[in-house]
Structures are given as structure tokens and as C-alpha cells.
Amino acid sequence: MTSPPIAIPSTSRASLRLPSGYTPRFKDRLLFSLVSNSPVRAALTVLMGFSGALFNGIGTVLIVPVILTILEQEVDSSNVPPLLNILLSPFDSVPEQYRLAVMAGSIILAISLKNLTGYLNSLVSGSLRRRLTSDLREQALQMLLNVDLDFYSKTGVGDIINQVNVEVYRTAAAVQALIKMTGATITISIFVYFLISISPKLTLVSSGLVLVVFCINQFFIRRSKGLGKRLSNISRDYSIRLTETLTGIRLIKEVVSEQREYRTLLSLIYKREQCDFQSSMNSAAIGPISEVVGVIAIMSIVFLGRTFFSGQLAEISTILLTYLVILFKLLPIITQLNGARNQFANCSASVKMLTHFLQRENKPFMDSGIHAFEGLKEAIRFENLSFAYPGASDLALKSINLTLPKGQTLALVGASGAGKTTLADLLPRFYDPTEGKITIDGRNVREFDMSSLRQSMGLVSQEAFLFNDTIRNNVSYARPDATEEEVIDAIKRANAYDFIMEMPKGLDTPIGDRGVMLSGGQRQRLAIARALLKNAQVLILDEATSALDTASERLVQEAIDELSRERTAIVIAHRLSTIQNADQIAVMKKGQVVELGTHDELLALGGYYNQLYTLQFSKQGKESLWNCN
């Protein structure tokens, strides 16, 4: 049965396709919440970037006077930029014969500290990305386990897997790119401050040239955004198709469509590779273009410096050289910023998709009640109950009124689509009624704590779900703490002991995906053993024998009789022979209860139930006669 709801942090809200009401502000909230969940790592990343930029700038500025001193050119303090004078002032107290060595050592120290902070920044940044990925997947899993069943009826499994794997990873990459952009912006700001303090005129010119680089790169960034959106959509389509291929492999082999599916998947793989290649080409173009424009900028500064300071080149050589060295060091950082902008643009589609995927407001969630369910004492009542599936205009159930006293069995019969399973699904609150209510001992089921309510119920359906695990773990799934004796007792009462003991490893035998290594009857008996071990007070048996042969049906029916003994049960029956002893039989047609009574009462009534009974048993009689012949 369903596990207890998991508390979901209010910061995690998102989805698959962008609805018409989506706003970028919501995406920004997701990015902010992700960073705020790891404030120390995010702050350290920015701090390391700032420190690295500062050490890089100091080391770069000090290189010029050291080079000039080595070349035996005197550095005139009157022609030195004020910033350089400030940085050189601590060395005035150093004896002249040691000054060059101390300055060189200071440069080495500054560059070493810059690289050390860069190394630490890489470690912290990598740790932040891993943490973001884990946090996003945790939020996605919490949402998936808590969301109502209606979400899964409208969302493909492949779509969900793509969100949890691919889009989560790309969203974390987008956040990391955003932090890189912050660090690069801080670094550029420090270098620009150095440039302005040296020469405002040259900085104005170089800023114009840098703006040209940004404008050129903007074309590639816009293209990257489009390619990123296309890449996300192709990844989604591939994940959906691959999941459907694997789950439908039996049908694929049955109709011999392996090559068709192979070609379809191969086409999606090729499209994804092409899109990924185009994204890589687009990203790779940013660096060379930035470098070429950067060289043009440096050469322009040289010629403009010659123009601005004509006749003073000897005096201002220190200024010009310092400026060019700083500008030369700045250009790669601008390239890094553009690279981070490109990465963020490429992953922005994933941020939008995941934001909507994690969002709670656009998904069905049931509110759990506050009262613990302590067991059925009197009766379950369906009171004037109507229900329509979310988004549907027609009612699936109309004005249902039924009473199920404790310890009795209520059978639901009718043609396919009459609403039998829908009605049973409302009791454990897989859905809530559109109108009316269900009460247990006079209290609305919505007032009960959902976990305790579902823990008191056992469900055995026509297609029993089994995990790709051992028999033991499947039987004890609802009670992992069950003892060996309790497990064996449950499988004996479910008529499953004999076939289990004949298996190679007994209870520890793996049964394959969905129990594929077992027959239909064996799977049903394991599901019944699971319900017996759970010891649920209320049972819901949904056509548990309808797909079985006669021999398997007999064994399963005996197990069901054992399971239902002294319990309150709702039995959905396809074969009317299995419910003749039910305390009540509700005959359903088009979402309504058209007849209600015992087997004998309904036959005597001569209505719809009598028609179903006569039709079914006359058909069975003909089949028996045919088999005898």
C-alpha cells in the first residue's frame, strides 16, 4: 500500500511542460532557493573568486615595475599610476639591493595564492554542483511519492525519469554557471577598477571594444538557448520512447517490430547527438572570437595610447605597459564570463522544465486528516457519493449510497466500465469524491490521518504488482520487520508454500521484473500472502481471480476465503460464482447502483443481476459441454 506522506520543503516546486501561467519569476525563485540551501558553499565560491581576482590583479600590476627594473629602466614615481604607487609603497622600506627579489617574491606569492584560491574554488564549486544535484533529486522524489495517482495517469514514466536524471543535472549545471558568472563579474569589476585608476580615457575606449565582444557573443548565447531547449525536448522524447520500448518488449517481439523500434530510437539518438554537437560548436566559437577581438582591442589601445600621449611615450611607458598587461589578463576572464553565460543559456530550458515539474500548485495533492485511524468498529458508509475524474466533465459515479457493516463482505458486480474499481479506489483515498462522502464509524475519511487509514487496508488487484526482488522481500514489503515464522505462516495460508519451497532458493528466489518468472496464479497468491502478513482490517479484492485458469482460480479463491475470514471486505467480481456467499451484492451500471441485495434476493428480483448470472452461467455451461465433447 501507499507509504506515509513525506514532508516536502516549500522551496521545491516545478514540472514537465511550461503551462500558460508560467512566469520567469518562479524560475528565479527556484534558482535562489537552490543557492540558499547551500549558502556556505555558494558564499565560499564567490569569496574564492573575489580573492583570486584580487591576488591576480596585484600580481599583474606588480609585474611591470619588476620587468622595467630588470631592464634597468628607472621607474619614475611621478609618471606611475596612483594605484601602482600604492602597491609599491610597502617596498620603499626594503633595502634597494633586496627590493627586486622581494618584489619578485611578492609576485610569485600573489600568483600562488591566486592559483590556490582557484583550486579551492574548483573543489567547492564541484561540491556545490553535487549537492545541488542531490537536493533536486531528493525534492523530485519527495514530490513523486506524495503526489496523487491522477498525476501518474497523465504523465509518462519516461518523462518523469528524464526529469529526475537529465533535467536535474542540467539545472545544477545552470546554477553552477550562474555562480561562475557572479565570480567572473567580481573579477572583471576589480580589473576594470585597476584600469580606470590607470587611465580613464583608455578604459572608455577599451570598454567600447569589450562591448563589441559582448554583442557578438550575444548571437551565440541566443542560439545556445534555442539549442538547449531543443536538446531537452529530444532527451525527453528519447527517454519516453526507451521506457515504452522496454515495458512493451513482449508486444514488440510478438508483432516483430524490433527493427522499427530500433530505427526510431536510433533516430532520436542521432538527433540528440547532432543537437549536442551543434551546442558544442556554438560554445567553442565564443573563445576564438573573444580572443581575436581581444587582440584587436590591445592593438587599438597601443595605437590610441600613442595618439593620446604623443610626445610623452617615454614618460608614460610605465602607465601604458601596466595598462596593457592588466587588459591582457582581463580578456580571458571576459571569455570565461561569456562561456558561463552560454552554459546558463543552454541549460535555462531545463531550469524552466524542472521548475514546473517540482511545483506543487499545478498537481493534485490530498490533505491528510489529523485523527489516527484506530480500526473499524461499526460500519463504512458511502453517502450520496458522486465522482468525476480530474479534468473530466462526465461523472464516473452518481449518487452512490451503500453501507458495509464491520465483518461483512460487499460484492460489486457489473459490466466493464460500470465504476466498480473507481468506487473501491475512493475508500483508501486514492481519489476523493466530487460530491457526497465516505464515513467510517460516522467520521468522514478525510478527517483520518492518511497513513494510518491506508495501513489498515489491504488491496489485491487483478494485476498484482511484484518488485524485481526475492519472494521474501515481496511478501514482507508491507511489513519489513516481519519474522521468518510470520512470513511462512502467511504463504501457507495463501496456498503459496508448496510452489515456493520447490524453487531453487525458496523464499530467497528472485522473481524477475513484475514477477515475470511466476505464473499468474502464483503472483496472485504472493499478493494475498502480502495482504495476510499485513493483517489489514479492511480488504479490497479487485477481480483477483478473473484472469486465472480453473486450477489456479481454485487455489487463489481458497486463499481469498482465508484472507477474508472475519474481515470487512469489498470484492469486485467478474465471475459471479465467487461472490454468491457475500452478505451484500451491489449491481452497478453506468456509475450507479441499480440493484442491491443477497445473491438469492437478486435472482428472485429477476433484474439486471439475473441477466448477468444467466448469461454467464449459460456461457460456462456451453464451454463445459464443449470441453466434454
Foldseek 3Di string as FASTA:
>chain_A
DAAAADDFDPQWAAAADDDPPDDVVLLVSNLVVLCVVPVVLLVLLLVLLLLLLVLVLLLLLLVLVLVCVVVVHDADPVLAQPVSCVSCVVLPPPPPVCSSVVSVVSSVVSNVSSVVSVVVSVVSLVVSLVVQLVVLLVLLVSCVSFFFPLVPVPDFPLSSVLLNPVLSSLVSLLSSLVSLLSSLVSSLVVLLVVLCSLPVVLSVLLVVLLVVLVVVLVVLLLVLLVLLLVLSVLSSVLSRLVVCCVVCVVVCVVVVVPVVSVVVNVVSVVVNVVSVVVSVVSLVVSVVVLVVSLVVSLVVSVVVVCVVQPPCCVSNVSSNVSSSSSSVVSSVSSSSSSSSSSSNSSSVSSSNRSNNSRRDVVGHGADFADAFDPDFDFKKWFALFWADRPPDDDILAGGDTDIFTWQFEEEEEEDPSLCQVVVVCPQLPSDDTPDGAMDGVRHGNRNHGSNNSVLQEAEQAQLQFAAQFFLQCRLCVSPVPDDPVLLLVLLVLLVQQVVQVVDPVRRRDGQGHRSPNDDSLNSRSSSLSSLVSSVHQEYEYHQNQVPDDPVSSVSRLSSVVSSSHSHGYYYYHPDPVSCQPGQKYFYGGSNYGPDMGHNVVVCVVVDDVVVSNVVVVVVVVVVVVVVVD
